[in-house]
Protein backbone atom coordinates (compact mmCIF):
# COMPACT_ATOMS: atom_id res chain seq x y z
CA UNK A 1 26.13 7.29 3.18
CA UNK A 2 24.75 8.55 6.19
CA UNK A 3 21.00 9.70 7.23
CA UNK A 4 19.96 12.42 9.86
CA UNK A 5 19.08 9.84 12.18
CA UNK A 6 21.71 7.45 13.36
CA UNK A 7 20.12 3.75 13.46
CA UNK A 8 23.16 2.11 15.39
CA UNK A 9 21.85 3.98 18.42
CA UNK A 10 18.61 2.06 18.64
CA UNK A 11 17.88 -0.75 20.98
CA UNK A 12 18.01 -3.26 18.60
CA UNK A 13 21.11 -2.54 16.86
CA UNK A 14 22.95 -2.58 20.19
CA UNK A 15 21.58 -5.75 21.71
CA UNK A 16 22.63 -7.53 18.70
CA UNK A 17 25.65 -6.04 17.64
CA UNK A 18 27.23 -4.23 20.54
CA UNK A 19 26.41 -5.37 24.16
CA UNK A 20 27.48 -8.91 25.33
CA UNK A 21 25.83 -11.89 24.67
CA UNK A 22 26.23 -15.16 26.06
CA UNK A 23 28.21 -17.48 23.94
CA UNK A 24 28.12 -14.82 21.32
CA UNK A 25 31.52 -13.29 20.57
CA UNK A 26 32.50 -9.84 19.79
CA UNK A 27 34.01 -11.33 16.37
CA UNK A 28 30.77 -12.71 15.40
CA UNK A 29 28.62 -9.39 16.25
CA UNK A 30 31.52 -7.79 14.04
CA UNK A 31 31.29 -9.87 11.18
CA UNK A 32 27.40 -9.63 10.85
CA UNK A 33 27.49 -6.28 11.58
CA UNK A 34 30.10 -5.04 9.08
CA UNK A 35 28.60 -7.08 6.27
CA UNK A 36 25.35 -5.58 6.92
CA UNK A 37 26.91 -1.99 6.71
CA UNK A 38 28.42 -2.81 3.47
CA UNK A 39 25.27 -4.12 2.04
CA UNK A 40 23.55 -0.82 3.19
CA UNK A 41 26.12 1.28 1.46
CA UNK A 42 25.08 -0.47 -1.80
CA UNK A 43 21.12 -0.69 -1.23
CA UNK A 44 21.21 3.14 -0.29
CA UNK A 45 22.45 3.96 -4.09
CA UNK A 46 19.65 1.42 -5.41
CA UNK A 47 16.80 2.69 -3.51
CA UNK A 48 18.01 6.41 -4.49
CA UNK A 49 16.45 5.62 -7.99
CA UNK A 50 12.99 4.84 -6.67
CA UNK A 51 12.40 8.95 -6.67
CA UNK A 52 12.57 9.21 -9.97
CA UNK A 53 11.03 5.94 -11.31
CA UNK A 54 7.59 6.66 -9.26
CA UNK A 55 7.41 10.45 -8.58
CA UNK A 56 5.38 11.79 -6.02
CA UNK A 57 5.83 8.86 -3.89
CA UNK A 58 6.73 9.50 0.07
CA UNK A 59 10.27 8.90 0.95
CA UNK A 60 11.48 5.75 0.33
CA UNK A 61 15.25 6.20 0.38
CA UNK A 62 17.74 5.22 3.13
CA UNK A 63 16.30 7.23 5.48
CA UNK A 64 13.42 4.90 5.59
CA UNK A 65 15.46 2.01 5.65
CA UNK A 66 17.56 3.49 8.78
CA UNK A 67 14.10 4.33 10.64
CA UNK A 68 12.87 0.60 10.68
CA UNK A 69 15.80 0.01 13.31
CA UNK A 70 14.03 2.57 15.34
CA UNK A 71 10.48 1.27 14.74
CA UNK A 72 11.50 -2.52 15.38
CA UNK A 73 12.81 -1.41 18.50
CA UNK A 74 9.96 0.31 19.67
CA UNK A 75 8.04 -3.16 19.66
CA UNK A 76 10.81 -5.29 20.24
CA UNK A 77 12.79 -4.00 23.27
CA UNK A 78 12.58 -6.16 26.24
CA UNK A 79 10.33 -8.27 24.38
CA UNK A 80 12.39 -10.87 21.97
CA UNK A 81 16.16 -11.40 21.55
CA UNK A 82 17.91 -11.19 18.38
CA UNK A 83 21.46 -12.68 17.82
CA UNK A 84 23.72 -10.99 15.34
CA UNK A 85 22.76 -13.71 12.41
CA UNK A 86 19.28 -12.84 13.03
CA UNK A 87 19.87 -8.96 13.16
CA UNK A 88 21.63 -9.16 10.04
CA UNK A 89 18.98 -11.01 8.40
CA UNK A 90 16.26 -8.64 9.51
CA UNK A 91 18.45 -5.63 8.36
CA UNK A 92 19.10 -7.29 4.85
CA UNK A 93 15.47 -8.07 4.53
CA UNK A 94 14.59 -4.16 5.19
CA UNK A 95 17.16 -3.18 2.50
CA UNK A 96 15.59 -5.15 0.09
CA UNK A 97 11.84 -4.82 0.79
CA UNK A 98 11.20 -1.69 -1.28
CA UNK A 99 14.47 -1.54 -3.04
CA UNK A 100 12.71 -3.08 -6.20
CA UNK A 101 10.47 -0.07 -7.18
CA UNK A 102 12.86 1.10 -9.76
CA UNK A 103 13.87 -0.25 -13.08
CA UNK A 104 17.63 -0.17 -11.54
CA UNK A 105 16.92 -3.65 -9.31
CA UNK A 106 16.36 -5.27 -12.49
CA UNK A 107 19.81 -6.36 -14.02
CA UNK A 108 18.28 -6.27 -17.66
CA UNK A 109 16.68 -2.85 -17.04
CA UNK A 110 13.52 -2.00 -18.83
CA UNK A 111 13.77 -4.98 -21.38
CA UNK A 112 13.47 -7.09 -18.44
CA UNK A 113 10.54 -5.54 -17.22
CA UNK A 114 8.95 -5.58 -20.46
CA UNK A 115 9.19 -9.44 -21.04
CA UNK A 116 7.08 -9.91 -17.57
CA UNK A 117 2.95 -10.57 -17.82
CA UNK A 118 2.71 -7.89 -15.23
CA UNK A 119 4.10 -5.04 -18.14
CA UNK A 120 1.69 -6.87 -20.67
CA UNK A 121 -1.14 -6.91 -18.69
CA UNK A 122 -0.93 -3.16 -17.63
CA UNK A 123 0.16 -1.97 -21.15
CA UNK A 124 -3.17 -3.76 -22.40
CA UNK A 125 -5.30 -1.78 -19.96
CA UNK A 126 -3.61 1.55 -20.00
CA UNK A 127 -3.61 1.34 -24.20
CA UNK A 128 -6.49 2.64 -26.39
CA UNK A 129 -7.38 1.11 -29.92
CA UNK A 130 -5.02 3.84 -31.52
CA UNK A 131 -2.03 2.75 -29.28
CA UNK A 132 1.00 0.37 -30.53
CA UNK A 133 1.42 -2.02 -27.64
CA UNK A 134 4.49 -3.51 -29.62
CA UNK A 135 6.29 -0.01 -29.78
CA UNK A 136 4.39 1.72 -27.10
CA UNK A 137 5.23 5.84 -26.71
CA UNK A 138 7.12 6.98 -24.12
CA UNK A 139 4.38 8.87 -22.77
CA UNK A 140 2.64 5.21 -22.39
CA UNK A 141 5.63 3.94 -20.84
CA UNK A 142 5.73 6.43 -18.26
CA UNK A 143 2.41 6.18 -17.36
CA UNK A 144 2.81 2.03 -17.18
CA UNK A 145 5.66 1.85 -15.45
CA UNK A 146 5.17 3.15 -11.51
CA UNK A 147 2.02 0.70 -11.31
CA UNK A 148 4.10 -1.95 -13.07
CA UNK A 149 6.96 -1.17 -10.04
CA UNK A 150 4.85 -1.24 -7.60
CA UNK A 151 2.89 -4.55 -8.26
CA UNK A 152 6.44 -6.24 -8.98
CA UNK A 153 8.62 -4.87 -6.31
CA UNK A 154 7.69 -7.46 -3.54
CA UNK A 155 8.52 -10.33 -6.10
CA UNK A 156 11.66 -8.83 -7.58
CA UNK A 157 12.66 -8.12 -3.82
CA UNK A 158 13.18 -11.80 -3.40
CA UNK A 159 16.08 -12.17 -6.09
CA UNK A 160 17.83 -9.18 -5.13
CA UNK A 161 19.79 -10.63 -2.63
CA UNK A 162 21.51 -13.23 -4.93
CA UNK A 163 21.21 -11.13 -8.09
CA UNK A 164 24.63 -9.49 -9.81
CA UNK A 165 25.23 -6.56 -11.74
CA UNK A 166 27.29 -6.73 -14.48
CA UNK A 167 29.48 -3.59 -15.17
CA UNK A 168 31.19 -2.40 -18.46
CA UNK A 169 33.90 -4.35 -18.44
CA UNK A 170 32.54 -7.57 -17.50
CA UNK A 171 32.75 -7.70 -13.69
CA UNK A 172 29.89 -8.77 -11.60
CA UNK A 173 28.72 -7.10 -8.25
CA UNK A 174 26.55 -7.92 -5.49
CA UNK A 175 24.78 -6.39 -2.81
CA UNK A 176 26.20 -8.82 -0.56
CA UNK A 177 29.74 -9.03 -1.01
CA UNK A 178 30.83 -11.99 1.04
CA UNK A 179 30.01 -14.98 -1.48
CA UNK A 180 29.50 -17.49 1.46
CA UNK A 181 27.16 -15.29 3.50
CA UNK A 182 25.37 -14.39 0.48
CA UNK A 183 24.88 -18.14 -0.84
CA UNK A 184 24.02 -19.31 2.62
CA UNK A 185 21.20 -16.53 3.73
CA UNK A 186 20.58 -14.96 0.44
CA UNK A 187 17.28 -16.93 -0.13
CA UNK A 188 15.97 -16.47 3.10
CA UNK A 189 16.67 -12.74 3.07
CA UNK A 190 14.86 -12.59 -0.42
CA UNK A 191 11.98 -14.46 0.89
CA UNK A 192 11.40 -12.58 4.01
CA UNK A 193 11.78 -9.08 2.01
CA UNK A 194 9.20 -10.43 -0.21
CA UNK A 195 6.73 -11.70 2.43
CA UNK A 196 6.16 -8.23 3.73
CA UNK A 197 3.41 -8.48 0.98
CA UNK A 198 2.01 -11.57 2.02
CA UNK A 199 -0.78 -12.18 4.28
CA UNK A 200 0.45 -13.45 7.87
CA UNK A 201 -1.30 -17.03 7.16
CA UNK A 202 1.15 -17.44 4.54
CA UNK A 203 4.21 -15.93 6.57
CA UNK A 204 3.69 -18.60 9.29
CA UNK A 205 3.06 -21.73 6.74
CA UNK A 206 6.24 -20.72 4.60
CA UNK A 207 8.60 -19.89 7.69
CA UNK A 208 7.35 -22.71 9.88
CA UNK A 209 10.44 -24.22 9.98
CA UNK A 210 13.57 -22.36 11.68
CA UNK A 211 16.73 -22.29 9.63
CA UNK A 212 19.92 -23.72 11.16
CA UNK A 213 23.29 -21.97 12.12
CA UNK A 214 25.48 -21.11 9.19
CA UNK A 215 28.21 -23.56 9.98
CA UNK A 216 31.84 -21.48 11.15
CA UNK A 217 30.13 -18.14 11.62
CA UNK A 218 27.55 -18.76 14.21
CA UNK A 219 25.78 -21.03 16.65
CA UNK A 220 22.73 -19.33 16.00
CA UNK A 221 19.66 -20.70 13.92
CA UNK A 222 16.94 -18.35 12.49
CA UNK A 223 13.57 -17.79 13.60
CA UNK A 224 11.94 -16.45 10.08
CA UNK A 225 8.92 -15.87 11.71
CA UNK A 226 9.69 -13.61 14.07
CA UNK A 227 12.15 -12.04 11.55
CA UNK A 228 9.69 -11.57 9.01
CA UNK A 229 7.03 -10.63 11.61
CA UNK A 230 9.36 -7.74 12.99
CA UNK A 231 9.86 -6.24 9.24
CA UNK A 232 6.41 -6.02 8.41
CA UNK A 233 5.38 -4.26 11.72
CA UNK A 234 8.65 -1.76 11.50
CA UNK A 235 7.69 -0.76 7.89
CA UNK A 236 4.01 -0.45 8.75
CA UNK A 237 5.08 1.79 11.60
CA UNK A 238 7.04 3.98 9.98
CA UNK A 239 4.40 6.72 9.00
CA UNK A 240 5.75 9.67 10.66
CA UNK A 241 7.02 13.40 9.16
CA UNK A 242 10.22 11.75 8.26
CA UNK A 243 8.39 10.05 5.11
CA UNK A 244 6.84 13.32 3.87
CA UNK A 245 9.11 16.37 4.58
CA UNK A 246 7.19 19.80 3.71
CA UNK A 247 10.16 21.34 1.85
CA UNK A 248 10.35 18.33 -0.44
CA UNK A 249 6.81 18.33 -0.83
CA UNK A 250 6.88 21.58 -2.18
CA UNK A 251 9.67 20.52 -4.84
CA UNK A 252 8.08 17.22 -6.06
CA UNK A 253 4.21 18.68 -5.85
CA UNK A 254 2.78 15.16 -5.48
CA UNK A 255 -0.73 14.69 -6.64
CA UNK A 256 -3.80 12.36 -6.17
CA UNK A 257 -3.70 9.98 -3.47
CA UNK A 258 -0.12 10.09 -3.32
CA UNK A 259 -0.83 13.96 -1.89
CA UNK A 260 -3.02 12.71 0.87
CA UNK A 261 -0.31 10.43 2.09
CA UNK A 262 1.97 13.35 2.08
CA UNK A 263 -0.69 15.63 3.67
CA UNK A 264 -1.27 13.21 6.82
CA UNK A 265 2.52 12.06 7.37
CA UNK A 266 3.83 15.29 7.18
CA UNK A 267 1.98 15.96 10.58
CA UNK A 268 2.50 12.84 12.12
CA UNK A 269 5.13 12.70 15.51
CA UNK A 270 7.28 9.45 15.93
CA UNK A 271 5.06 7.01 17.33
CA UNK A 272 5.32 5.56 21.11
CA UNK A 273 3.58 2.93 22.84
CA UNK A 274 1.17 3.21 26.08
CA UNK A 275 -0.23 0.13 27.74
CA UNK A 276 0.35 -2.27 24.59
CA UNK A 277 -1.06 0.22 22.13
CA UNK A 278 0.88 2.14 19.68
CA UNK A 279 -0.17 5.89 19.75
CA UNK A 280 0.32 8.13 16.69
CA UNK A 281 -0.24 11.92 17.28
CA UNK A 282 -0.09 14.91 15.22
CA UNK A 283 1.99 17.86 15.49
CA UNK A 284 -0.79 20.14 14.22
CA UNK A 285 -4.63 19.42 13.47
CA UNK A 286 -6.40 18.59 10.13
CA UNK A 287 -8.44 21.64 8.92
CA UNK A 288 -11.83 20.85 7.37
CA UNK A 289 -9.82 21.29 3.89
CA UNK A 290 -7.47 18.25 4.58
CA UNK A 291 -10.44 15.95 5.90
CA UNK A 292 -9.75 13.53 3.33
CA UNK A 293 -6.11 13.36 4.16
CA UNK A 294 -7.37 12.63 8.05
CA UNK A 295 -9.60 10.00 6.94
CA UNK A 296 -6.77 7.92 4.97
CA UNK A 297 -4.74 8.23 7.95
CA UNK A 298 -7.82 6.66 9.73
CA UNK A 299 -8.02 3.99 7.55
CA UNK A 300 -4.06 3.49 7.73
CA UNK A 301 -4.33 3.31 11.49
CA UNK A 302 -6.82 0.64 10.82
CA UNK A 303 -4.30 -1.33 8.82
CA UNK A 304 -1.96 -1.19 10.99
CA UNK A 305 -3.99 -2.18 13.80
CA UNK A 306 -4.98 -5.30 11.92
CA UNK A 307 -1.25 -6.27 10.98
CA UNK A 308 -0.55 -6.07 14.72
CA UNK A 309 -3.11 -8.35 15.88
CA UNK A 310 -2.39 -10.82 13.13
CA UNK A 311 1.14 -10.76 14.06
CA UNK A 312 0.50 -11.42 17.41
CA UNK A 313 -1.60 -14.60 16.64
CA UNK A 314 1.54 -15.43 14.51
CA UNK A 315 4.17 -14.96 17.18
CA UNK A 316 1.99 -16.64 20.01
CA UNK A 317 2.12 -20.00 17.78
CA UNK A 318 5.98 -19.64 18.95
CA UNK A 319 5.70 -18.19 22.54
CA UNK A 320 6.51 -14.84 21.46
CA UNK A 321 5.19 -11.55 21.71
CA UNK A 322 5.85 -7.85 20.66
CA UNK A 323 5.15 -5.02 23.03
CA UNK A 324 2.50 -3.85 21.09
CA UNK A 325 -1.09 -5.40 20.18
CA UNK A 326 -2.75 -2.76 18.59
CA UNK A 327 -3.20 1.07 17.75
CA UNK A 328 -4.40 3.56 19.87
CA UNK A 329 -8.15 4.89 18.61
CA UNK A 330 -8.31 2.44 15.62
CA UNK A 331 -11.49 1.55 14.55
CA UNK A 332 -13.49 4.48 16.02
CA UNK A 333 -12.99 7.73 14.30
CA UNK A 334 -13.82 9.72 17.42
CA UNK A 335 -11.18 7.91 19.57
CA UNK A 336 -8.77 8.59 17.05
CA UNK A 337 -9.22 12.20 16.93
CA UNK A 338 -7.96 12.61 20.21
CA UNK A 339 -4.61 11.42 19.13
CA UNK A 340 -4.51 12.88 15.40
CA UNK A 341 -6.60 15.85 15.99
CA UNK A 342 -8.82 17.78 13.56
CA UNK A 343 -9.80 21.82 13.60
CA UNK A 344 -13.07 23.10 12.48
CA UNK A 345 -14.91 19.68 11.84
CA UNK A 346 -14.97 16.65 13.67
CA UNK A 347 -15.07 13.05 12.38
CA UNK A 348 -17.84 11.05 12.79
CA UNK A 349 -18.76 7.28 12.08
CA UNK A 350 -21.56 8.30 9.13
CA UNK A 351 -20.35 6.31 6.47
CA UNK A 352 -22.75 5.73 3.45
CA UNK A 353 -24.53 2.31 3.79
CA UNK A 354 -26.79 -0.24 1.35
CA UNK A 355 -28.77 -1.74 3.88
CA UNK A 356 -31.26 -2.98 1.52
CA UNK A 357 -29.73 -3.77 -1.50
CA UNK A 358 -32.92 -5.63 -3.33
CA UNK A 359 -34.79 -2.42 -2.72
CA UNK A 360 -31.93 -0.26 -4.06
CA UNK A 361 -31.80 -2.37 -7.27
CA UNK A 362 -35.52 -2.20 -7.80
CA UNK A 363 -35.77 1.60 -6.82
CA UNK A 364 -32.49 2.68 -9.13
CA UNK A 365 -32.98 0.35 -11.82
CA UNK A 366 -36.63 0.77 -12.38
CA UNK A 367 -37.57 0.38 -16.24
CA UNK A 368 -34.99 2.64 -17.41
CA UNK A 369 -32.11 0.25 -16.24
CA UNK A 370 -33.98 -3.26 -16.34
CA UNK A 371 -37.13 -2.68 -17.94
CA UNK A 372 -40.23 -4.43 -15.58
CA UNK A 373 -38.75 -7.91 -16.10
CA UNK A 374 -37.97 -10.33 -13.73
CA UNK A 375 -35.30 -12.26 -15.71
CA UNK A 376 -32.96 -9.45 -15.53
CA UNK A 377 -31.12 -11.44 -12.96
CA UNK A 378 -30.82 -14.87 -15.25
CA UNK A 379 -29.54 -12.42 -17.50
CA UNK A 380 -26.93 -10.98 -15.37
CA UNK A 381 -26.15 -14.40 -14.17
CA UNK A 382 -25.53 -15.31 -17.77
CA UNK A 383 -23.17 -12.32 -18.55
CA UNK A 384 -21.38 -13.52 -15.68
CA UNK A 385 -21.01 -17.03 -17.07
CA UNK A 386 -19.99 -16.08 -20.30
CA UNK A 387 -17.26 -13.64 -19.07
CA UNK A 388 -15.93 -16.53 -16.99
CA UNK A 389 -15.74 -18.77 -20.04
CA UNK A 390 -14.36 -16.26 -22.18
CA UNK A 391 -11.71 -15.51 -19.58
CA UNK A 392 -10.72 -19.49 -19.48
CA UNK A 393 -10.89 -19.71 -23.21
CA UNK A 394 -8.25 -16.77 -23.43
CA UNK A 395 -6.21 -17.87 -20.41
CA UNK A 396 -5.91 -21.61 -21.68
CA UNK A 397 -6.04 -20.40 -25.37
CA UNK A 398 -8.93 -22.91 -25.95
CA UNK A 399 -11.09 -22.37 -29.49
CA UNK A 400 -13.82 -20.09 -30.13
CA UNK A 401 -16.93 -21.66 -29.05
CA UNK A 402 -15.55 -23.76 -26.36
CA UNK A 403 -17.19 -23.75 -22.83
CA UNK A 404 -20.92 -24.41 -21.83
CA UNK A 405 -23.59 -22.66 -19.87
CA UNK A 406 -26.59 -24.85 -18.21
CA UNK A 407 -29.72 -23.31 -17.16
CA UNK A 408 -32.34 -25.42 -15.14
CA UNK A 409 -35.20 -24.73 -13.28
CA UNK A 410 -35.54 -27.62 -10.69
CA UNK A 411 -38.54 -28.46 -8.33
CA UNK A 412 -37.31 -29.51 -4.83
CA UNK A 413 -38.96 -30.26 -1.74
CA UNK A 414 -37.85 -26.94 -0.32
CA UNK A 415 -39.11 -25.03 -3.27
CA UNK A 416 -38.10 -24.19 -6.89
CA UNK A 417 -34.86 -23.52 -7.91
CA UNK A 418 -33.26 -21.51 -10.77
CA UNK A 419 -29.63 -23.17 -11.33
CA UNK A 420 -27.01 -21.70 -13.82
CA UNK A 421 -23.76 -23.46 -13.90
CA UNK A 422 -20.84 -22.67 -16.47
CA UNK A 423 -17.37 -24.39 -16.76
CA UNK A 424 -15.75 -21.30 -16.72
CA UNK A 425 -12.42 -19.74 -14.97
CA UNK A 426 -14.09 -20.55 -11.39
CA UNK A 427 -13.74 -18.38 -8.42
CA UNK A 428 -10.63 -18.66 -5.71
CA UNK A 429 -11.93 -18.15 -1.81
CA UNK A 430 -10.33 -14.28 -2.12
CA UNK A 431 -12.90 -13.40 -5.00
CA UNK A 432 -15.61 -15.56 -4.00
CA UNK A 433 -15.55 -13.30 -0.49
CA UNK A 434 -14.53 -9.92 -1.91
CA UNK A 435 -15.23 -8.72 -5.72
CA UNK A 436 -18.23 -10.91 -6.14
CA UNK A 437 -20.06 -9.36 -3.13
CA UNK A 438 -18.43 -5.83 -3.37
CA UNK A 439 -21.72 -4.19 -4.35
CA UNK A 440 -21.01 -1.95 -7.78
CA UNK A 441 -17.62 -3.11 -8.50
CA UNK A 442 -16.56 -5.40 -11.32
CA UNK A 443 -13.86 -7.97 -10.82
CA UNK A 444 -12.85 -7.77 -14.37
CA UNK A 445 -11.97 -4.06 -14.19
CA UNK A 446 -10.31 -4.31 -11.02
CA UNK A 447 -6.37 -5.03 -10.08
CA UNK A 448 -7.28 -8.32 -8.68
CA UNK A 449 -7.73 -9.79 -12.22
CA UNK A 450 -3.64 -9.37 -12.76
CA UNK A 451 -3.50 -10.87 -9.47
CA UNK A 452 -5.49 -13.86 -9.79
CA UNK A 453 -4.79 -14.51 -13.43
CA UNK A 454 -1.14 -12.93 -14.77
CA UNK A 455 -1.60 -12.38 -18.68
CA UNK A 456 -5.24 -12.71 -18.91
CA UNK A 457 -6.01 -8.73 -19.81
CA UNK A 458 -3.03 -8.95 -22.54
CA UNK A 459 -4.21 -11.66 -24.22
CA UNK A 460 -7.57 -9.67 -24.75
CA UNK A 461 -9.77 -10.43 -22.03
CA UNK A 462 -13.16 -7.94 -22.70
CA UNK A 463 -16.05 -8.52 -20.08
CA UNK A 464 -19.32 -8.03 -21.57
CA UNK A 465 -21.22 -7.60 -18.06
CA UNK A 466 -22.64 -4.04 -18.32
CA UNK A 467 -24.28 -3.34 -14.83
CA UNK A 468 -22.70 -2.39 -11.63
CA UNK A 469 -25.51 -4.12 -9.72
CA UNK A 470 -24.21 -7.51 -10.96
CA UNK A 471 -24.58 -10.59 -8.45
CA UNK A 472 -26.92 -8.43 -6.60
CA UNK A 473 -29.47 -8.63 -8.87
CA UNK A 474 -30.39 -12.28 -7.90
CA UNK A 475 -31.84 -11.24 -4.73
CA UNK A 476 -34.84 -9.57 -6.86
CA UNK A 477 -36.08 -13.03 -7.42
CA UNK A 478 -34.78 -15.12 -4.44
CA UNK A 479 -33.74 -14.72 -1.20
CA UNK A 480 -32.16 -18.09 -0.62
CA UNK A 481 -29.05 -18.38 -2.88
CA UNK A 482 -25.95 -20.65 -3.37
CA UNK A 483 -22.43 -20.00 -5.03
CA UNK A 484 -20.48 -22.90 -5.89
CA UNK A 485 -17.13 -22.03 -7.28
CA UNK A 486 -14.01 -23.83 -8.07
CA UNK A 487 -11.11 -22.42 -9.96
CA UNK A 488 -10.44 -24.26 -13.01
CA UNK A 489 -6.96 -24.94 -12.03
CA UNK A 490 -7.85 -25.94 -8.22
CA UNK A 491 -8.88 -29.48 -6.96
CA UNK A 492 -12.26 -30.46 -5.91
CA UNK A 493 -11.23 -29.97 -2.14
CA UNK A 494 -10.66 -26.15 -3.02
CA UNK A 495 -13.92 -25.85 -4.16
CA UNK A 496 -16.22 -23.54 -1.71
CA UNK A 497 -19.71 -22.71 -1.51
CA UNK A 498 -21.07 -19.04 -0.58
CA UNK A 499 -24.57 -19.27 1.03
CA UNK A 500 -27.16 -16.74 1.63
CA UNK A 501 -30.30 -18.20 3.64
CA UNK A 502 -32.18 -14.61 4.17
CA UNK A 503 -31.23 -12.38 1.46
CA UNK A 504 -28.66 -9.61 2.14
CA UNK A 505 -29.87 -9.29 5.39
CA UNK A 506 -28.53 -12.09 6.49
CA UNK A 507 -24.57 -12.99 6.96
CA UNK A 508 -23.12 -15.48 3.70
CA UNK A 509 -21.70 -18.84 5.06
CA UNK A 510 -18.79 -20.05 3.84
CA UNK A 511 -18.01 -23.78 3.75
CA UNK A 512 -16.07 -26.44 1.55
CA UNK A 513 -18.27 -28.15 -1.21
CA UNK A 514 -19.41 -31.63 -0.41
CA UNK A 515 -17.65 -34.15 -2.41
CA UNK A 516 -19.51 -34.22 -6.30
CA UNK A 517 -21.06 -31.33 -6.18
CA UNK A 518 -18.55 -29.02 -7.24
CA UNK A 519 -18.50 -28.08 -11.04
CA UNK A 520 -16.64 -31.26 -12.51
CA UNK A 521 -14.15 -29.50 -14.52
CA UNK A 522 -14.19 -26.20 -12.84
CA UNK A 523 -16.46 -23.15 -12.82
CA UNK A 524 -19.40 -21.74 -10.90
CA UNK A 525 -22.85 -22.58 -10.57
CA UNK A 526 -25.45 -20.32 -8.89
CA UNK A 527 -28.76 -21.76 -7.20
CA UNK A 528 -31.60 -19.58 -6.16
CA UNK A 529 -34.85 -20.49 -4.66
CA UNK A 530 -37.33 -18.33 -6.35
CA UNK A 531 -39.72 -16.24 -4.53
CA UNK A 532 -42.36 -17.05 -7.09
CA UNK A 533 -42.22 -20.14 -9.19
CA UNK A 534 -42.16 -19.19 -12.90
CA UNK A 535 -45.97 -20.52 -13.62
CA UNK A 536 -47.15 -18.26 -11.15
CA UNK A 537 -45.03 -14.59 -12.24
CA UNK A 538 -46.88 -12.29 -14.48
CA UNK A 539 -43.88 -12.84 -16.97
CA UNK A 540 -41.81 -16.14 -16.75
CA UNK A 541 -38.13 -16.70 -16.39
CA UNK A 542 -38.40 -19.15 -19.14
CA UNK A 543 -39.95 -16.95 -21.37
């Protein structure tokens, strides 16, 4: 199977498999390169199934996999060394990292996918009251399948190096033919392939220990952090026109967000490096009709820039570095537009902002939404607590009626505090610092639910919270707010407190919870220092 670009001409391929390396024999180079090429032929057939499984997706076939040798070479040449064994691990991880975005990646096919909690959650979210969840229609399956494959692809990639596919006559076929090679490196290849979706902190923690040499085949150990970082950067940098050919776009007619990905990538040239910065340029400017696609390119460049910075920190722990540490123009629309050009309009950093949330709550809410009632904050917090308790009931299959919400008004030396505590499902640090304070967004209606609590949606979770203002309503009644939360399945030392000391104008402070102050059995406690004590208010919170 061939592609228009010969990856064997890249610096990385020649460095590892062609050029002489001290203490590395030509036989060792041949062993690892030939096994890679054999694996590539099979993986190419696997990724060829992706286009049918996820219509409208930019190119994810073998040409994408081959191009990652080029983008890896861009940042690695002259900066790092790679043994033949490490280059084989890198290449095999490249072959697997996106390969699970089709049903063919599952030995048990669609029936295996249907047994996953991700499938059940997605089906529950997409179904209406008239849908038969036990026997979903082909239309519903087609609608759910792409999202489930995307969600599971990195996790499933971890098993593909050692997974077998059975033929009609009972023979088991593998992506890696050599059983010794497959058994020794398969786990590492799968983990590194999976890791392209991990945060970099998880990469450094999981791969802190190098893998020793493969006996009788090489004396080289595997620096797993180096290989994993090279994979994620190589993948992040492949954004040029080869991912979105114009004629193929005319054939597949992508829509929605996929169309914008095609629109911006079809204009991009192969990136290059200037003064430790990756430079993306466009062959043609973006007219005003494609402004949304330009902004998607801008957001994508910002994400790539963060990847480069995070990886630079990770590599520094190993006394290593890549040639690039940032993306030129990232973080400044004006600067990026000098590289990725526009026509007839000028991108400026004029994004809508909400700087005075309490005023917005008061102005937009008014009597129509909230009524002239300061207890709206209490109502919102009770609804949040009720949702958290319902989630824990369903997730742990606890009986109806289980769970407690405790409401107190407490006099302290620094003022009067309102406290609402539940023993619900609790929040991780990611939720506490993300979905909770994302103005107007509900955690229970986001994709984060399936990531934090797989299977919860399919168990019938149905949040009762009605308003988008949510948590921010607390600033109507107090400027000093503390949210103390401990996920029900986390230890006490994992509990966190998020504190606002000056309303929404202050930056929240995240810190560990002092021993004995977190909800004892998991859950959340919100404490608000009231601007006006209840006895002085026109309508009391305790009414």
